[in-house]
Amino acid sequence: CFALATLLAAQPFAVWLGSSLLLFAIGWLLQFIGHYYEGKKPAFVDDIVGLFVGPLFVVAEMGFALGLRKALQHEIEQLAGKVH
């Protein structure tokens, strides 16, 4: 995966931008297929804020996994409870 990312990053701007947009679209398509399979509608259908909260949650979790913002992580875990 890293080798593919390195190869893609070395390409001209139009190539990696187009590839990124294509992968993004494929990801959305797979997500909608998953929602259809589960029989549930996407959360953003009821609340548009979900489009912003979801990616922010993923970025925050990645940062916590890398050891960043430990004080914030501790505060969140105190309020919401720790989940494994």
PDB file of N, CA and C in Angstrom:
ATOM      1  N   CYS A   1       0.831  -1.177   0.000  1.00  0.00           N
ATOM      2  CA  CYS A   1       0.000   0.000   0.000  1.00  0.00           C
ATOM      3  C   CYS A   1       0.884   1.252   0.000  1.00  0.00           C
ATOM      4  N   PHE A   2       1.942   1.241   0.828  1.00  0.00           N
ATOM      5  CA  PHE A   2       2.857   2.384   0.885  1.00  0.00           C
ATOM      6  C   PHE A   2       3.585   2.550  -0.436  1.00  0.00           C
ATOM      7  N   ALA A   3       3.984   1.441  -1.040  1.00  0.00           N
ATOM      8  CA  ALA A   3       4.678   1.508  -2.330  1.00  0.00           C
ATOM      9  C   ALA A   3       3.767   2.100  -3.398  1.00  0.00           C
ATOM     10  N   LEU A   4       2.500   1.726  -3.385  1.00  0.00           N
ATOM     11  CA  LEU A   4       1.544   2.275  -4.344  1.00  0.00           C
ATOM     12  C   LEU A   4       1.338   3.767  -4.105  1.00  0.00           C
ATOM     13  N   ALA A   5       1.253   4.165  -2.845  1.00  0.00           N
ATOM     14  CA  ALA A   5       1.086   5.585  -2.517  1.00  0.00           C
ATOM     15  C   ALA A   5       2.305   6.387  -2.952  1.00  0.00           C
ATOM     16  N   THR A   6       3.495   5.839  -2.757  1.00  0.00           N
ATOM     17  CA  THR A   6       4.723   6.514  -3.172  1.00  0.00           C
ATOM     18  C   THR A   6       4.768   6.658  -4.683  1.00  0.00           C
ATOM     19  N   LEU A   7       4.405   5.613  -5.385  1.00  0.00           N
ATOM     20  CA  LEU A   7       4.376   5.656  -6.849  1.00  0.00           C
ATOM     21  C   LEU A   7       3.374   6.698  -7.340  1.00  0.00           C
ATOM     22  N   LEU A   8       2.204   6.730  -6.726  1.00  0.00           N
ATOM     23  CA  LEU A   8       1.176   7.688  -7.125  1.00  0.00           C
ATOM     24  C   LEU A   8       1.603   9.123  -6.820  1.00  0.00           C
ATOM     25  N   ALA A   9       2.253   9.333  -5.685  1.00  0.00           N
ATOM     26  CA  ALA A   9       2.693  10.677  -5.303  1.00  0.00           C
ATOM     27  C   ALA A   9       3.750  11.224  -6.252  1.00  0.00           C
ATOM     28  N   ALA A  10       4.484  10.352  -6.910  1.00  0.00           N
ATOM     29  CA  ALA A  10       5.536  10.783  -7.835  1.00  0.00           C
ATOM     30  C   ALA A  10       4.986  11.168  -9.208  1.00  0.00           C
ATOM     31  N   GLN A  11       3.708  10.950  -9.434  1.00  0.00           N
ATOM     32  CA  GLN A  11       3.096  11.240 -10.732  1.00  0.00           C
ATOM     33  C   GLN A  11       2.762  12.729 -10.844  1.00  0.00           C
ATOM     34  N   PRO A  12       2.513  13.201 -12.061  1.00  0.00           N
ATOM     35  CA  PRO A  12       2.104  14.598 -12.239  1.00  0.00           C
ATOM     36  C   PRO A  12       0.804  14.900 -11.483  1.00  0.00           C
ATOM     37  N   PHE A  13       0.594  16.178 -11.222  1.00  0.00           N
ATOM     38  CA  PHE A  13      -0.551  16.640 -10.439  1.00  0.00           C
ATOM     39  C   PHE A  13      -1.873  16.070 -10.944  1.00  0.00           C
ATOM     40  N   ALA A  14      -2.113  16.154 -12.225  1.00  0.00           N
ATOM     41  CA  ALA A  14      -3.390  15.706 -12.787  1.00  0.00           C
ATOM     42  C   ALA A  14      -3.612  14.213 -12.556  1.00  0.00           C
ATOM     43  N   VAL A  15      -2.545  13.430 -12.594  1.00  0.00           N
ATOM     44  CA  VAL A  15      -2.668  11.976 -12.412  1.00  0.00           C
ATOM     45  C   VAL A  15      -3.055  11.643 -10.980  1.00  0.00           C
ATOM     46  N   TRP A  16      -2.321  12.199 -10.002  1.00  0.00           N
ATOM     47  CA  TRP A  16      -2.656  11.823  -8.625  1.00  0.00           C
ATOM     48  C   TRP A  16      -3.948  12.464  -8.161  1.00  0.00           C
ATOM     49  N   LEU A  17      -4.289  13.650  -8.666  1.00  0.00           N
ATOM     50  CA  LEU A  17      -5.569  14.248  -8.302  1.00  0.00           C
ATOM     51  C   LEU A  17      -6.724  13.424  -8.877  1.00  0.00           C
ATOM     52  N   GLY A  18      -6.609  13.049 -10.136  1.00  0.00           N
ATOM     53  CA  GLY A  18      -7.645  12.222 -10.753  1.00  0.00           C
ATOM     54  C   GLY A  18      -7.775  10.877 -10.069  1.00  0.00           C
ATOM     55  N   SER A  19      -6.643  10.277  -9.720  1.00  0.00           N
ATOM     56  CA  SER A  19      -6.665   8.986  -9.021  1.00  0.00           C
ATOM     57  C   SER A  19      -7.319   9.124  -7.651  1.00  0.00           C
ATOM     58  N   SER A  20      -6.999  10.201  -6.957  1.00  0.00           N
ATOM     59  CA  SER A  20      -7.585  10.428  -5.634  1.00  0.00           C
ATOM     60  C   SER A  20      -9.091  10.608  -5.720  1.00  0.00           C
ATOM     61  N   LEU A  21      -9.547  11.388  -6.694  1.00  0.00           N
ATOM     62  CA  LEU A  21     -10.986  11.594  -6.860  1.00  0.00           C
ATOM     63  C   LEU A  21     -11.695  10.296  -7.242  1.00  0.00           C
ATOM     64  N   LEU A  22     -11.049   9.500  -8.084  1.00  0.00           N
ATOM     65  CA  LEU A  22     -11.625   8.217  -8.473  1.00  0.00           C
ATOM     66  C   LEU A  22     -11.741   7.283  -7.267  1.00  0.00           C
ATOM     67  N   LEU A  23     -10.683   7.198  -6.468  1.00  0.00           N
ATOM     68  CA  LEU A  23     -10.720   6.343  -5.280  1.00  0.00           C
ATOM     69  C   LEU A  23     -11.761   6.836  -4.279  1.00  0.00           C
ATOM     70  N   PHE A  24     -11.896   8.150  -4.158  1.00  0.00           N
ATOM     71  CA  PHE A  24     -12.915   8.726  -3.283  1.00  0.00           C
ATOM     72  C   PHE A  24     -14.310   8.312  -3.744  1.00  0.00           C
ATOM     73  N   ALA A  25     -14.555   8.414  -5.037  1.00  0.00           N
ATOM     74  CA  ALA A  25     -15.860   8.039  -5.594  1.00  0.00           C
ATOM     75  C   ALA A  25     -16.129   6.549  -5.409  1.00  0.00           C
ATOM     76  N   ILE A  26     -15.108   5.728  -5.608  1.00  0.00           N
ATOM     77  CA  ILE A  26     -15.264   4.285  -5.406  1.00  0.00           C
ATOM     78  C   ILE A  26     -15.589   3.992  -3.941  1.00  0.00           C
ATOM     79  N   GLY A  27     -14.932   4.694  -3.033  1.00  0.00           N
ATOM     80  CA  GLY A  27     -15.210   4.524  -1.607  1.00  0.00           C
ATOM     81  C   GLY A  27     -16.650   4.864  -1.255  1.00  0.00           C
ATOM     82  N   TRP A  28     -17.160   5.961  -1.824  1.00  0.00           N
ATOM     83  CA  TRP A  28     -18.553   6.340  -1.584  1.00  0.00           C
ATOM     84  C   TRP A  28     -19.492   5.288  -2.151  1.00  0.00           C
ATOM     85  N   LEU A  29     -19.190   4.801  -3.333  1.00  0.00           N
ATOM     86  CA  LEU A  29     -20.025   3.771  -3.946  1.00  0.00           C
ATOM     87  C   LEU A  29     -20.076   2.523  -3.063  1.00  0.00           C
ATOM     88  N   LEU A  30     -18.923   2.100  -2.576  1.00  0.00           N
ATOM     89  CA  LEU A  30     -18.878   0.928  -1.699  1.00  0.00           C
ATOM     90  C   LEU A  30     -19.647   1.176  -0.402  1.00  0.00           C
ATOM     91  N   GLN A  31     -19.572   2.398   0.098  1.00  0.00           N
ATOM     92  CA  GLN A  31     -20.315   2.725   1.315  1.00  0.00           C
ATOM     93  C   GLN A  31     -21.817   2.617   1.074  1.00  0.00           C
ATOM     94  N   PHE A  32     -22.286   3.132  -0.053  1.00  0.00           N
ATOM     95  CA  PHE A  32     -23.717   3.048  -0.349  1.00  0.00           C
ATOM     96  C   PHE A  32     -24.154   1.605  -0.591  1.00  0.00           C
ATOM     97  N   ILE A  33     -23.293   0.811  -1.192  1.00  0.00           N
ATOM     98  CA  ILE A  33     -23.599  -0.614  -1.354  1.00  0.00           C
ATOM     99  C   ILE A  33     -23.738  -1.269   0.021  1.00  0.00           C
ATOM    100  N   GLY A  34     -22.847  -0.904   0.937  1.00  0.00           N
ATOM    101  CA  GLY A  34     -22.931  -1.424   2.301  1.00  0.00           C
ATOM    102  C   GLY A  34     -24.215  -1.022   3.001  1.00  0.00           C
ATOM    103  N   HIS A  35     -24.624   0.241   2.818  1.00  0.00           N
ATOM    104  CA  HIS A  35     -25.879   0.697   3.416  1.00  0.00           C
ATOM    105  C   HIS A  35     -27.065  -0.066   2.834  1.00  0.00           C
ATOM    106  N   TYR A  36     -27.044  -0.303   1.542  1.00  0.00           N
ATOM    107  CA  TYR A  36     -28.124  -1.066   0.905  1.00  0.00           C
ATOM    108  C   TYR A  36     -28.161  -2.492   1.465  1.00  0.00           C
ATOM    109  N   TYR A  37     -26.980  -3.100   1.600  1.00  0.00           N
ATOM    110  CA  TYR A  37     -26.880  -4.466   2.108  1.00  0.00           C
ATOM    111  C   TYR A  37     -27.403  -4.552   3.541  1.00  0.00           C
ATOM    112  N   GLU A  38     -27.080  -3.538   4.367  1.00  0.00           N
ATOM    113  CA  GLU A  38     -27.540  -3.519   5.757  1.00  0.00           C
ATOM    114  C   GLU A  38     -29.012  -3.155   5.879  1.00  0.00           C
ATOM    115  N   GLY A  39     -29.547  -2.530   4.837  1.00  0.00           N
ATOM    116  CA  GLY A  39     -30.935  -2.084   4.896  1.00  0.00           C
ATOM    117  C   GLY A  39     -31.116  -0.806   5.684  1.00  0.00           C
ATOM    118  N   LYS A  40     -30.038  -0.040   5.838  1.00  0.00           N
ATOM    119  CA  LYS A  40     -30.094   1.213   6.590  1.00  0.00           C
ATOM    120  C   LYS A  40     -29.704   2.363   5.677  1.00  0.00           C
ATOM    121  N   LYS A  41     -30.305   3.505   5.918  1.00  0.00           N
ATOM    122  CA  LYS A  41     -29.929   4.671   5.133  1.00  0.00           C
ATOM    123  C   LYS A  41     -28.735   5.358   5.792  1.00  0.00           C
ATOM    124  N   PRO A  42     -27.936   6.089   5.012  1.00  0.00           N
ATOM    125  CA  PRO A  42     -26.789   6.804   5.577  1.00  0.00           C
ATOM    126  C   PRO A  42     -27.239   7.841   6.606  1.00  0.00           C
ATOM    127  N   ALA A  43     -26.424   8.068   7.618  1.00  0.00           N
ATOM    128  CA  ALA A  43     -26.773   9.001   8.691  1.00  0.00           C
ATOM    129  C   ALA A  43     -26.964  10.419   8.173  1.00  0.00           C
ATOM    130  N   PHE A  44     -26.215  10.811   7.142  1.00  0.00           N
ATOM    131  CA  PHE A  44     -26.317  12.194   6.675  1.00  0.00           C
ATOM    132  C   PHE A  44     -27.646  12.498   5.987  1.00  0.00           C
ATOM    133  N   VAL A  45     -28.438  11.469   5.690  1.00  0.00           N
ATOM    134  CA  VAL A  45     -29.763  11.708   5.109  1.00  0.00           C
ATOM    135  C   VAL A  45     -30.636  12.455   6.121  1.00  0.00           C
ATOM    136  N   ASP A  46     -30.509  12.107   7.394  1.00  0.00           N
ATOM    137  CA  ASP A  46     -31.284  12.764   8.444  1.00  0.00           C
ATOM    138  C   ASP A  46     -30.592  13.999   8.999  1.00  0.00           C
ATOM    139  N   ASP A  47     -29.268  14.004   8.971  1.00  0.00           N
ATOM    140  CA  ASP A  47     -28.521  15.097   9.591  1.00  0.00           C
ATOM    141  C   ASP A  47     -27.253  15.362   8.786  1.00  0.00           C
ATOM    142  N   ILE A  48     -27.209  16.484   8.096  1.00  0.00           N
ATOM    143  CA  ILE A  48     -26.082  16.825   7.226  1.00  0.00           C
ATOM    144  C   ILE A  48     -24.778  16.999   8.015  1.00  0.00           C
ATOM    145  N   VAL A  49     -24.869  17.255   9.312  1.00  0.00           N
ATOM    146  CA  VAL A  49     -23.682  17.425  10.144  1.00  0.00           C
ATOM    147  C   VAL A  49     -22.836  16.153  10.130  1.00  0.00           C
ATOM    148  N   GLY A  50     -23.474  15.007   9.911  1.00  0.00           N
ATOM    149  CA  GLY A  50     -22.749  13.738   9.853  1.00  0.00           C
ATOM    150  C   GLY A  50     -21.681  13.709   8.780  1.00  0.00           C
ATOM    151  N   LEU A  51     -21.867  14.479   7.721  1.00  0.00           N
ATOM    152  CA  LEU A  51     -20.845  14.544   6.668  1.00  0.00           C
ATOM    153  C   LEU A  51     -19.553  15.168   7.175  1.00  0.00           C
ATOM    154  N   PHE A  52     -19.658  16.025   8.184  1.00  0.00           N
ATOM    155  CA  PHE A  52     -18.479  16.691   8.731  1.00  0.00           C
ATOM    156  C   PHE A  52     -17.944  15.982   9.967  1.00  0.00           C
ATOM    157  N   VAL A  53     -18.843  15.444  10.771  1.00  0.00           N
ATOM    158  CA  VAL A  53     -18.439  14.795  12.011  1.00  0.00           C
ATOM    159  C   VAL A  53     -17.709  13.483  11.745  1.00  0.00           C
ATOM    160  N   GLY A  54     -18.170  12.724  10.764  1.00  0.00           N
ATOM    161  CA  GLY A  54     -17.544  11.433  10.462  1.00  0.00           C
ATOM    162  C   GLY A  54     -16.058  11.541  10.150  1.00  0.00           C
ATOM    163  N   PRO A  55     -15.667  12.359   9.168  1.00  0.00           N
ATOM    164  CA  PRO A  55     -14.233  12.500   8.872  1.00  0.00           C
ATOM    165  C   PRO A  55     -13.443  13.082  10.042  1.00  0.00           C
ATOM    166  N   LEU A  56     -14.046  14.016  10.785  1.00  0.00           N
ATOM    167  CA  LEU A  56     -13.365  14.587  11.940  1.00  0.00           C
ATOM    168  C   LEU A  56     -13.104  13.514  12.991  1.00  0.00           C
ATOM    169  N   PHE A  57     -14.072  12.624  13.197  1.00  0.00           N
ATOM    170  CA  PHE A  57     -13.912  11.525  14.143  1.00  0.00           C
ATOM    171  C   PHE A  57     -12.746  10.625  13.729  1.00  0.00           C
ATOM    172  N   VAL A  58     -12.670  10.295  12.447  1.00  0.00           N
ATOM    173  CA  VAL A  58     -11.601   9.424  11.950  1.00  0.00           C
ATOM    174  C   VAL A  58     -10.242  10.084  12.146  1.00  0.00           C
ATOM    175  N   VAL A  59     -10.131  11.366  11.836  1.00  0.00           N
ATOM    176  CA  VAL A  59      -8.863  12.087  12.004  1.00  0.00           C
ATOM    177  C   VAL A  59      -8.473  12.133  13.481  1.00  0.00           C
ATOM    178  N   ALA A  60      -9.443  12.399  14.351  1.00  0.00           N
ATOM    179  CA  ALA A  60      -9.153  12.439  15.784  1.00  0.00           C
ATOM    180  C   ALA A  60      -8.675  11.076  16.282  1.00  0.00           C
ATOM    181  N   GLU A  61      -9.342  10.008  15.880  1.00  0.00           N
ATOM    182  CA  GLU A  61      -8.939   8.670  16.307  1.00  0.00           C
ATOM    183  C   GLU A  61      -7.545   8.310  15.792  1.00  0.00           C
ATOM    184  N   MET A  62      -7.242   8.714  14.571  1.00  0.00           N
ATOM    185  CA  MET A  62      -5.902   8.454  14.029  1.00  0.00           C
ATOM    186  C   MET A  62      -4.853   9.220  14.832  1.00  0.00           C
ATOM    187  N   GLY A  63      -5.151  10.464  15.172  1.00  0.00           N
ATOM    188  CA  GLY A  63      -4.232  11.252  15.988  1.00  0.00           C
ATOM    189  C   GLY A  63      -4.025  10.628  17.357  1.00  0.00           C
ATOM    190  N   PHE A  64      -5.108  10.180  17.986  1.00  0.00           N
ATOM    191  CA  PHE A  64      -4.991   9.526  19.283  1.00  0.00           C
ATOM    192  C   PHE A  64      -4.153   8.255  19.173  1.00  0.00           C
ATOM    193  N   ALA A  65      -4.348   7.491  18.100  1.00  0.00           N
ATOM    194  CA  ALA A  65      -3.583   6.254  17.899  1.00  0.00           C
ATOM    195  C   ALA A  65      -2.097   6.547  17.724  1.00  0.00           C
ATOM    196  N   LEU A  66      -1.779   7.728  17.203  1.00  0.00           N
ATOM    197  CA  LEU A  66      -0.381   8.125  17.025  1.00  0.00           C
ATOM    198  C   LEU A  66       0.201   8.774  18.278  1.00  0.00           C
ATOM    199  N   GLY A  67      -0.616   8.880  19.320  1.00  0.00           N
ATOM    200  CA  GLY A  67      -0.138   9.438  20.577  1.00  0.00           C
ATOM    201  C   GLY A  67      -0.281  10.946  20.683  1.00  0.00           C
ATOM    202  N   LEU A  68      -1.050  11.552  19.810  1.00  0.00           N
ATOM    203  CA  LEU A  68      -1.239  12.998  19.829  1.00  0.00           C
ATOM    204  C   LEU A  68      -2.424  13.374  20.714  1.00  0.00           C
ATOM    205  N   ARG A  69      -2.369  14.561  21.293  1.00  0.00           N
ATOM    206  CA  ARG A  69      -3.469  15.152  22.061  1.00  0.00           C
ATOM    207  C   ARG A  69      -4.008  14.213  23.146  1.00  0.00           C
ATOM    208  N   LYS A  70      -3.093  13.674  23.953  1.00  0.00           N
ATOM    209  CA  LYS A  70      -3.485  12.726  25.007  1.00  0.00           C
ATOM    210  C   LYS A  70      -4.450  13.355  26.011  1.00  0.00           C
ATOM    211  N   ALA A  71      -4.259  14.646  26.325  1.00  0.00           N
ATOM    212  CA  ALA A  71      -5.154  15.306  27.281  1.00  0.00           C
ATOM    213  C   ALA A  71      -6.582  15.352  26.735  1.00  0.00           C
ATOM    214  N   LEU A  72      -6.727  15.666  25.467  1.00  0.00           N
ATOM    215  CA  LEU A  72      -8.051  15.695  24.845  1.00  0.00           C
ATOM    216  C   LEU A  72      -8.664  14.296  24.821  1.00  0.00           C
ATOM    217  N   GLN A  73      -7.860  13.298  24.492  1.00  0.00           N
ATOM    218  CA  GLN A  73      -8.354  11.920  24.474  1.00  0.00           C
ATOM    219  C   GLN A  73      -8.849  11.518  25.860  1.00  0.00           C
ATOM    220  N   HIS A  74      -8.083  11.858  26.883  1.00  0.00           N
ATOM    221  CA  HIS A  74      -8.477  11.515  28.252  1.00  0.00           C
ATOM    222  C   HIS A  74      -9.791  12.208  28.627  1.00  0.00           C
ATOM    223  N   GLU A  75      -9.921  13.480  28.255  1.00  0.00           N
ATOM    224  CA  GLU A  75     -11.143  14.222  28.565  1.00  0.00           C
ATOM    225  C   GLU A  75     -12.357  13.607  27.859  1.00  0.00           C
ATOM    226  N   ILE A  76     -12.188  13.229  26.610  1.00  0.00           N
ATOM    227  CA  ILE A  76     -13.283  12.598  25.862  1.00  0.00           C
ATOM    228  C   ILE A  76     -13.658  11.265  26.491  1.00  0.00           C
ATOM    229  N   GLU A  77     -12.652  10.482  26.871  1.00  0.00           N
ATOM    230  CA  GLU A  77     -12.925   9.178  27.481  1.00  0.00           C
ATOM    231  C   GLU A  77     -13.603   9.322  28.833  1.00  0.00           C
ATOM    232  N   GLN A  78     -13.300  10.395  29.556  1.00  0.00           N
ATOM    233  CA  GLN A  78     -13.971  10.630  30.838  1.00  0.00           C
ATOM    234  C   GLN A  78     -15.450  10.944  30.628  1.00  0.00           C
ATOM    235  N   LEU A  79     -15.751  11.698  29.574  1.00  0.00           N
ATOM    236  CA  LEU A  79     -17.140  12.079  29.297  1.00  0.00           C
ATOM    237  C   LEU A  79     -17.942  10.945  28.655  1.00  0.00           C
ATOM    238  N   ALA A  80     -17.328  10.244  27.716  1.00  0.00           N
ATOM    239  CA  ALA A  80     -18.060   9.242  26.936  1.00  0.00           C
ATOM    240  C   ALA A  80     -17.810   7.814  27.393  1.00  0.00           C
ATOM    241  N   GLY A  81     -16.739   7.594  28.107  1.00  0.00           N
ATOM    242  CA  GLY A  81     -16.362   6.243  28.486  1.00  0.00           C
ATOM    243  C   GLY A  81     -15.389   5.665  27.482  1.00  0.00           C
ATOM    244  N   LYS A  82     -14.451   4.881  27.971  1.00  0.00           N
ATOM    245  CA  LYS A  82     -13.441   4.295  27.101  1.00  0.00           C
ATOM    246  C   LYS A  82     -14.022   3.101  26.358  1.00  0.00           C
ATOM    247  N   VAL A  83     -13.728   3.010  25.071  1.00  0.00           N
ATOM    248  CA  VAL A  83     -14.223   1.921  24.233  1.00  0.00           C
ATOM    249  C   VAL A  83     -13.029   1.191  23.639  1.00  0.00           C
ATOM    250  N   HIS A  84     -13.083  -0.121  23.650  1.00  0.00           N
ATOM    251  CA  HIS A  84     -11.991  -0.912  23.049  1.00  0.00           C
ATOM    252  C   HIS A  84     -12.501  -1.641  21.861  1.00  0.00           C
TER     253      HIS A  84
END
